[in-house]
Amino acid sequence: MGRVEREERILERIRATPPGFVRTYGDVSPGAPRVAGAVLSACHDESLPWHRIVRADGTLAKGGRQRALLDAEGVPFRGSRVDMRIARVPDQP
């Protein structure tokens, strides 16, 4: 799989994350979670639900802005972390 195809697959997985749920960087880019971060950083599509992608431990890469968007969608938190037992959507093949 080439770079462009890999990036498109990552973006498809991000777009497929439903409101009120999250996926991890590793879920959208299995084996290479940092690639997902790089793809998100380079993408300027305002419609991309970037805020639904969190670290594996439920912490947020973008802090308060991300928390506000997730709160508005009803994503459950335990303290400052997303409650991954409830909110995580499993990876799709």
Protein backbone atom coordinates (compact mmCIF):
# COMPACT_ATOMS: atom_id res chain seq x y z
CA MET A 1 0.00 0.00 0.00
CA GLY A 2 1.41 3.38 -1.00
CA ARG A 3 1.56 6.50 1.12
CA VAL A 4 -1.47 8.13 -0.50
CA GLU A 5 -3.57 4.98 -0.10
CA ARG A 6 -2.52 4.67 3.55
CA GLU A 7 -3.45 8.30 4.22
CA GLU A 8 -6.84 7.86 2.54
CA ARG A 9 -7.53 4.73 4.61
CA ILE A 10 -6.69 6.65 7.81
CA LEU A 11 -8.97 9.52 6.81
CA GLU A 12 -11.79 7.06 5.98
CA ARG A 13 -11.51 5.52 9.44
CA ILE A 14 -11.56 8.93 11.09
CA ARG A 15 -14.64 9.96 9.10
CA ALA A 16 -16.34 6.66 10.04
CA THR A 17 -16.04 7.39 13.77
CA PRO A 18 -19.61 8.19 14.85
CA PRO A 19 -20.56 11.19 16.99
CA GLY A 20 -20.37 10.39 20.70
CA PHE A 21 -17.58 7.84 20.22
CA VAL A 22 -13.81 7.83 19.80
CA ARG A 23 -11.04 5.79 18.23
CA THR A 24 -7.37 5.78 19.08
CA TYR A 25 -4.54 6.81 16.80
CA GLY A 26 -3.62 3.10 16.66
CA ASP A 27 -7.18 2.16 15.68
CA VAL A 28 -7.09 4.39 12.61
CA SER A 29 -3.48 3.54 11.75
CA PRO A 30 -2.73 0.02 13.06
CA GLY A 31 0.94 -0.49 13.82
CA ALA A 32 1.80 3.15 13.13
CA PRO A 33 -0.22 5.49 15.37
CA ARG A 34 2.18 8.38 14.78
CA VAL A 35 1.31 8.26 11.09
CA ALA A 36 -2.31 9.01 12.04
CA GLY A 37 -1.14 12.05 13.96
CA ALA A 38 0.90 13.24 10.99
CA VAL A 39 -2.06 12.75 8.63
CA LEU A 40 -4.36 14.67 10.97
CA SER A 41 -1.83 17.46 11.32
CA ALA A 42 -1.50 17.82 7.54
CA CYS A 43 -5.24 17.67 6.82
CA HIS A 44 -7.08 20.97 6.58
CA ASP A 45 -10.56 19.57 5.90
CA GLU A 46 -12.83 21.41 8.34
CA SER A 47 -15.43 18.61 8.17
CA LEU A 48 -13.00 15.95 9.43
CA PRO A 49 -13.99 14.87 12.98
CA TRP A 50 -10.38 15.03 14.24
CA HIS A 51 -11.56 15.49 17.82
CA ARG A 52 -12.82 11.88 17.94
CA ILE A 53 -9.26 10.52 17.76
CA VAL A 54 -7.59 10.19 21.16
CA ARG A 55 -4.57 8.53 22.70
CA ALA A 56 -4.87 4.88 23.75
CA ASP A 57 -5.10 5.84 27.43
CA GLY A 58 -8.00 8.21 26.75
CA THR A 59 -5.99 11.42 27.08
CA LEU A 60 -6.49 14.23 24.61
CA ALA A 61 -3.83 15.55 22.27
CA LYS A 62 -5.58 18.89 21.78
CA GLY A 63 -6.69 19.63 25.34
CA GLY A 64 -9.60 21.93 26.13
CA ARG A 65 -10.72 22.51 22.55
CA GLN A 66 -10.97 18.77 21.95
CA ARG A 67 -12.66 18.21 25.32
CA ALA A 68 -15.34 20.80 24.54
CA LEU A 69 -16.16 19.15 21.20
CA LEU A 70 -16.32 15.68 22.77
CA ASP A 71 -18.42 16.94 25.70
CA ALA A 72 -20.87 18.47 23.21
CA GLU A 73 -21.25 15.02 21.60
CA GLY A 74 -21.83 13.32 24.96
CA VAL A 75 -18.56 11.36 25.07
CA PRO A 76 -18.16 10.02 28.63
CA PHE A 77 -15.10 10.99 30.66
CA ARG A 78 -13.51 9.71 33.84
CA GLY A 79 -11.73 12.75 35.15
CA SER A 80 -9.66 14.21 32.32
CA ARG A 81 -9.67 11.03 30.21
CA VAL A 82 -12.23 9.60 27.84
CA ASP A 83 -13.86 6.52 29.37
CA MET A 84 -12.51 4.14 26.75
CA ARG A 85 -14.56 1.18 28.01
CA ILE A 86 -17.72 2.99 26.95
CA ALA A 87 -16.71 5.41 24.19
CA ARG A 88 -14.21 3.47 22.08
CA VAL A 89 -15.30 2.10 18.72
CA PRO A 90 -13.29 -1.01 17.84
CA ASP A 91 -11.03 -0.90 14.81
CA GLN A 92 -12.58 -1.93 11.51
CA PRO A 93 -10.69 -4.11 9.05
